Amino acid sequence: MSEAEVLEQRRQARAAKYLVDESLVALHQKAVIALLDPAEAKHVREQALEQVAKWERGHLCNPRYVQAWRGILNLPAAAMRAAILRDDAEGVSLRQNSPFGFLVSGSR
């Protein structure tokens, strides 16, 4: 494989990861909106905590994410928003291991 082909594959991989990261940010923005809505907050928080508990019971996720998400979901609303949408490597990592998958289909 030529150097140009390798560089093109890397560019394509970065572009694909960017799209995934952007969709995860959008999902988590949706989660934050729901968590800040008095009519939805309790139910959404309970579903997310239920997912975290399922991860823990089934050893489905690294304990680091279980602890992190449990802590985030028990924060006051403003702090929870900031933690969910943080724009650093840890924020990206947390969003890739999200308890909000139930929001993708729109069912709550």
N, C-alpha and C. Protein backbone atom coordinates (compact mmCIF):
# COMPACT_ATOMS: atom_id res chain seq x y z
N MET A 1 0.85 -1.17 0.00
CA MET A 1 0.00 0.00 0.00
C MET A 1 0.90 1.24 0.00
N SER A 2 0.55 2.19 -0.81
CA SER A 2 1.36 3.40 -0.92
C SER A 2 1.11 4.33 0.28
N GLU A 3 2.03 5.24 0.48
CA GLU A 3 1.87 6.21 1.56
C GLU A 3 0.61 7.04 1.37
N ALA A 4 0.31 7.39 0.14
CA ALA A 4 -0.89 8.17 -0.15
C ALA A 4 -2.15 7.39 0.22
N GLU A 5 -2.15 6.09 -0.05
CA GLU A 5 -3.30 5.26 0.31
C GLU A 5 -3.46 5.15 1.82
N VAL A 6 -2.35 5.01 2.51
CA VAL A 6 -2.39 4.94 3.97
C VAL A 6 -2.93 6.24 4.53
N LEU A 7 -2.45 7.36 4.02
CA LEU A 7 -2.92 8.67 4.49
C LEU A 7 -4.40 8.85 4.20
N GLU A 8 -4.85 8.38 3.06
CA GLU A 8 -6.28 8.48 2.72
C GLU A 8 -7.12 7.62 3.65
N GLN A 9 -6.65 6.43 3.97
CA GLN A 9 -7.38 5.56 4.90
C GLN A 9 -7.47 6.21 6.28
N ARG A 10 -6.39 6.82 6.70
CA ARG A 10 -6.40 7.52 8.00
C ARG A 10 -7.37 8.68 7.99
N ARG A 11 -7.38 9.43 6.89
CA ARG A 11 -8.30 10.56 6.77
C ARG A 11 -9.74 10.07 6.84
N GLN A 12 -10.03 8.98 6.15
CA GLN A 12 -11.38 8.42 6.17
C GLN A 12 -11.77 7.92 7.56
N ALA A 13 -10.84 7.31 8.25
CA ALA A 13 -11.10 6.82 9.61
C ALA A 13 -11.38 7.99 10.55
N ARG A 14 -10.61 9.08 10.43
CA ARG A 14 -10.84 10.26 11.26
C ARG A 14 -12.22 10.87 10.96
N ALA A 15 -12.57 10.92 9.68
CA ALA A 15 -13.87 11.47 9.29
C ALA A 15 -15.01 10.62 9.85
N ALA A 16 -14.86 9.31 9.78
CA ALA A 16 -15.89 8.41 10.32
C ALA A 16 -16.01 8.56 11.83
N LYS A 17 -14.88 8.65 12.53
CA LYS A 17 -14.92 8.83 13.99
C LYS A 17 -15.56 10.17 14.35
N TYR A 18 -15.28 11.19 13.58
CA TYR A 18 -15.88 12.50 13.82
C TYR A 18 -17.41 12.40 13.73
N LEU A 19 -17.91 11.70 12.73
CA LEU A 19 -19.36 11.55 12.57
C LEU A 19 -19.97 10.79 13.75
N VAL A 20 -19.31 9.74 14.19
CA VAL A 20 -19.78 8.98 15.36
C VAL A 20 -19.79 9.88 16.59
N ASP A 21 -18.71 10.60 16.81
CA ASP A 21 -18.63 11.48 17.97
C ASP A 21 -19.72 12.55 17.93
N GLU A 22 -19.98 13.10 16.75
CA GLU A 22 -21.03 14.11 16.62
C GLU A 22 -22.41 13.54 16.92
N SER A 23 -22.66 12.31 16.48
CA SER A 23 -23.96 11.69 16.77
C SER A 23 -24.09 11.41 18.27
N LEU A 24 -23.00 11.05 18.91
CA LEU A 24 -23.03 10.82 20.36
C LEU A 24 -23.26 12.11 21.13
N VAL A 25 -22.67 13.20 20.66
CA VAL A 25 -22.92 14.50 21.29
C VAL A 25 -24.41 14.85 21.15
N ALA A 26 -24.97 14.63 19.97
CA ALA A 26 -26.39 14.93 19.75
C ALA A 26 -27.28 14.10 20.67
N LEU A 27 -26.96 12.82 20.83
CA LEU A 27 -27.72 11.96 21.73
C LEU A 27 -27.65 12.50 23.16
N HIS A 28 -26.48 12.91 23.58
CA HIS A 28 -26.31 13.38 24.95
C HIS A 28 -26.90 14.77 25.16
N GLN A 29 -26.97 15.57 24.11
CA GLN A 29 -27.69 16.84 24.21
C GLN A 29 -29.18 16.56 24.42
N LYS A 30 -29.69 15.55 23.70
CA LYS A 30 -31.08 15.13 23.88
C LYS A 30 -31.30 14.65 25.31
N ALA A 31 -30.34 13.89 25.84
CA ALA A 31 -30.44 13.40 27.21
C ALA A 31 -30.47 14.56 28.20
N VAL A 32 -29.61 15.53 28.00
CA VAL A 32 -29.56 16.69 28.91
C VAL A 32 -30.88 17.44 28.87
N ILE A 33 -31.43 17.64 27.68
CA ILE A 33 -32.72 18.34 27.58
C ILE A 33 -33.78 17.58 28.37
N ALA A 34 -33.81 16.27 28.22
CA ALA A 34 -34.77 15.45 28.96
C ALA A 34 -34.52 15.51 30.47
N LEU A 35 -33.26 15.47 30.86
CA LEU A 35 -32.93 15.49 32.28
C LEU A 35 -33.23 16.84 32.93
N LEU A 36 -33.30 17.89 32.14
CA LEU A 36 -33.62 19.22 32.67
C LEU A 36 -35.11 19.53 32.58
N ASP A 37 -35.87 18.66 31.95
CA ASP A 37 -37.31 18.84 31.80
C ASP A 37 -38.02 18.23 33.02
N PRO A 38 -38.70 19.04 33.81
CA PRO A 38 -39.33 18.51 35.02
C PRO A 38 -40.29 17.34 34.75
N ALA A 39 -40.90 17.32 33.58
CA ALA A 39 -41.84 16.25 33.27
C ALA A 39 -41.14 14.94 32.90
N GLU A 40 -39.88 15.00 32.49
CA GLU A 40 -39.17 13.82 32.02
C GLU A 40 -37.99 13.41 32.88
N ALA A 41 -37.45 14.34 33.63
CA ALA A 41 -36.17 14.14 34.32
C ALA A 41 -36.13 12.87 35.17
N LYS A 42 -37.13 12.68 36.01
CA LYS A 42 -37.10 11.53 36.92
C LYS A 42 -37.07 10.22 36.14
N HIS A 43 -37.92 10.10 35.15
CA HIS A 43 -38.00 8.85 34.37
C HIS A 43 -36.70 8.59 33.60
N VAL A 44 -36.16 9.61 32.96
CA VAL A 44 -34.93 9.45 32.18
C VAL A 44 -33.77 9.10 33.10
N ARG A 45 -33.68 9.76 34.22
CA ARG A 45 -32.61 9.47 35.18
C ARG A 45 -32.73 8.03 35.69
N GLU A 46 -33.95 7.61 36.02
CA GLU A 46 -34.16 6.24 36.51
C GLU A 46 -33.79 5.20 35.45
N GLN A 47 -34.17 5.45 34.19
CA GLN A 47 -33.82 4.51 33.12
C GLN A 47 -32.31 4.42 32.93
N ALA A 48 -31.64 5.58 32.98
CA ALA A 48 -30.18 5.59 32.82
C ALA A 48 -29.52 4.86 33.99
N LEU A 49 -29.99 5.11 35.21
CA LEU A 49 -29.43 4.41 36.37
C LEU A 49 -29.70 2.91 36.30
N GLU A 50 -30.85 2.55 35.76
CA GLU A 50 -31.18 1.13 35.58
C GLU A 50 -30.20 0.48 34.60
N GLN A 51 -29.85 1.21 33.54
CA GLN A 51 -28.88 0.69 32.57
C GLN A 51 -27.51 0.52 33.22
N VAL A 52 -27.10 1.48 34.01
CA VAL A 52 -25.82 1.40 34.71
C VAL A 52 -25.81 0.20 35.65
N ALA A 53 -26.91 -0.02 36.35
CA ALA A 53 -27.01 -1.18 37.25
C ALA A 53 -26.93 -2.48 36.46
N LYS A 54 -27.54 -2.52 35.29
CA LYS A 54 -27.47 -3.71 34.43
C LYS A 54 -26.03 -3.97 34.00
N TRP A 55 -25.31 -2.91 33.63
CA TRP A 55 -23.89 -3.06 33.27
C TRP A 55 -23.14 -3.69 34.43
N GLU A 56 -23.40 -3.18 35.63
CA GLU A 56 -22.67 -3.65 36.81
C GLU A 56 -23.01 -5.11 37.12
N ARG A 57 -24.29 -5.43 37.15
CA ARG A 57 -24.71 -6.81 37.45
C ARG A 57 -24.13 -7.81 36.46
N GLY A 58 -24.16 -7.45 35.19
CA GLY A 58 -23.71 -8.38 34.15
C GLY A 58 -22.25 -8.24 33.78
N HIS A 59 -21.54 -7.37 34.47
CA HIS A 59 -20.13 -7.10 34.13
C HIS A 59 -20.02 -6.77 32.63
N LEU A 60 -20.92 -5.88 32.17
CA LEU A 60 -21.02 -5.53 30.76
C LEU A 60 -20.22 -4.30 30.39
N CYS A 61 -19.70 -3.63 31.39
CA CYS A 61 -19.00 -2.37 31.15
C CYS A 61 -17.91 -2.23 32.20
N ASN A 62 -16.86 -1.56 31.82
CA ASN A 62 -15.76 -1.32 32.75
C ASN A 62 -16.30 -0.63 34.01
N PRO A 63 -15.92 -1.10 35.19
CA PRO A 63 -16.39 -0.48 36.43
C PRO A 63 -16.13 1.03 36.51
N ARG A 64 -15.12 1.49 35.82
CA ARG A 64 -14.83 2.93 35.79
C ARG A 64 -16.01 3.71 35.22
N TYR A 65 -16.63 3.17 34.16
CA TYR A 65 -17.79 3.86 33.55
C TYR A 65 -19.02 3.71 34.43
N VAL A 66 -19.16 2.58 35.08
CA VAL A 66 -20.28 2.37 35.99
C VAL A 66 -20.21 3.44 37.09
N GLN A 67 -19.07 3.58 37.70
CA GLN A 67 -18.90 4.57 38.77
C GLN A 67 -19.09 5.99 38.24
N ALA A 68 -18.48 6.28 37.09
CA ALA A 68 -18.57 7.63 36.55
C ALA A 68 -20.01 8.01 36.24
N TRP A 69 -20.73 7.13 35.56
CA TRP A 69 -22.12 7.46 35.19
C TRP A 69 -23.02 7.51 36.41
N ARG A 70 -22.82 6.63 37.36
CA ARG A 70 -23.64 6.67 38.58
C ARG A 70 -23.42 8.02 39.29
N GLY A 71 -22.16 8.44 39.36
CA GLY A 71 -21.87 9.74 39.97
C GLY A 71 -22.49 10.89 39.21
N ILE A 72 -22.37 10.87 37.90
CA ILE A 72 -22.93 11.95 37.07
C ILE A 72 -24.45 12.01 37.23
N LEU A 73 -25.10 10.86 37.20
CA LEU A 73 -26.57 10.83 37.27
C LEU A 73 -27.10 11.22 38.64
N ASN A 74 -26.24 11.32 39.61
CA ASN A 74 -26.66 11.74 40.95
C ASN A 74 -26.25 13.18 41.26
N LEU A 75 -25.72 13.89 40.28
CA LEU A 75 -25.34 15.28 40.45
C LEU A 75 -26.57 16.19 40.33
N PRO A 76 -26.48 17.42 40.87
CA PRO A 76 -27.52 18.41 40.59
C PRO A 76 -27.56 18.68 39.08
N ALA A 77 -28.68 19.15 38.59
CA ALA A 77 -28.92 19.29 37.15
C ALA A 77 -27.82 20.06 36.41
N ALA A 78 -27.42 21.20 36.89
CA ALA A 78 -26.42 22.00 36.17
C ALA A 78 -25.08 21.27 36.09
N ALA A 79 -24.67 20.66 37.18
CA ALA A 79 -23.40 19.93 37.19
C ALA A 79 -23.50 18.68 36.31
N MET A 80 -24.67 18.05 36.31
CA MET A 80 -24.89 16.88 35.47
C MET A 80 -24.76 17.27 34.00
N ARG A 81 -25.37 18.37 33.63
CA ARG A 81 -25.29 18.85 32.24
C ARG A 81 -23.84 19.05 31.83
N ALA A 82 -23.07 19.73 32.67
CA ALA A 82 -21.67 20.00 32.36
C ALA A 82 -20.87 18.70 32.24
N ALA A 83 -21.13 17.75 33.11
CA ALA A 83 -20.39 16.47 33.09
C ALA A 83 -20.74 15.65 31.85
N ILE A 84 -22.00 15.64 31.46
CA ILE A 84 -22.43 14.85 30.30
C ILE A 84 -21.88 15.42 29.01
N LEU A 85 -21.81 16.74 28.93
CA LEU A 85 -21.40 17.39 27.68
C LEU A 85 -19.96 17.87 27.69
N ARG A 86 -19.18 17.43 28.66
CA ARG A 86 -17.79 17.91 28.72
C ARG A 86 -17.06 17.58 27.42
N ASP A 87 -16.22 18.51 27.02
CA ASP A 87 -15.57 18.42 25.71
C ASP A 87 -14.09 18.11 25.86
N ASP A 88 -13.81 16.99 26.50
CA ASP A 88 -12.43 16.55 26.64
C ASP A 88 -12.40 15.04 26.38
N ALA A 89 -11.24 14.45 26.49
CA ALA A 89 -11.10 13.02 26.19
C ALA A 89 -12.01 12.17 27.08
N GLU A 90 -12.14 12.54 28.34
CA GLU A 90 -13.00 11.78 29.25
C GLU A 90 -14.47 11.89 28.84
N GLY A 91 -14.87 13.08 28.41
CA GLY A 91 -16.25 13.26 27.94
C GLY A 91 -16.54 12.40 26.72
N VAL A 92 -15.60 12.38 25.79
CA VAL A 92 -15.75 11.54 24.59
C VAL A 92 -15.86 10.08 25.01
N SER A 93 -15.00 9.65 25.91
CA SER A 93 -14.99 8.27 26.38
C SER A 93 -16.30 7.91 27.07
N LEU A 94 -16.80 8.79 27.93
CA LEU A 94 -18.06 8.52 28.61
C LEU A 94 -19.21 8.41 27.62
N ARG A 95 -19.24 9.29 26.63
CA ARG A 95 -20.33 9.24 25.65
C ARG A 95 -20.29 7.98 24.81
N GLN A 96 -19.11 7.37 24.65
CA GLN A 96 -19.01 6.12 23.91
C GLN A 96 -19.50 4.94 24.75
N ASN A 97 -19.68 5.16 26.03
CA ASN A 97 -20.17 4.14 26.97
C ASN A 97 -21.36 4.77 27.69
N SER A 98 -22.44 4.95 26.97
CA SER A 98 -23.56 5.74 27.42
C SER A 98 -24.74 4.92 27.93
N PRO A 99 -25.35 5.38 29.02
CA PRO A 99 -26.56 4.72 29.50
C PRO A 99 -27.84 5.27 28.85
N PHE A 100 -27.70 6.12 27.85
CA PHE A 100 -28.85 6.77 27.23
C PHE A 100 -29.26 6.18 25.89
N GLY A 101 -28.84 4.97 25.60
CA GLY A 101 -29.21 4.34 24.34
C GLY A 101 -30.71 4.25 24.13
N PHE A 102 -31.47 4.18 25.21
CA PHE A 102 -32.93 4.10 25.11
C PHE A 102 -33.53 5.36 24.47
N LEU A 103 -32.78 6.45 24.43
CA LEU A 103 -33.27 7.68 23.81
C LEU A 103 -33.13 7.67 22.29
N VAL A 104 -32.34 6.76 21.76
CA VAL A 104 -32.12 6.71 20.31
C VAL A 104 -33.43 6.46 19.58
N SER A 105 -34.20 5.51 20.05
CA SER A 105 -35.45 5.18 19.39
C SER A 105 -36.56 6.17 19.74
N GLY A 106 -36.28 7.03 20.72
CA GLY A 106 -37.27 8.00 21.12
C GLY A 106 -38.23 7.49 22.17
N SER A 107 -38.15 6.20 22.49
CA SER A 107 -39.05 5.65 23.51
C SER A 107 -38.51 5.98 24.89
N ARG A 108 -39.39 6.45 25.73
CA ARG A 108 -38.98 6.79 27.09
C ARG A 108 -39.95 6.28 28.07
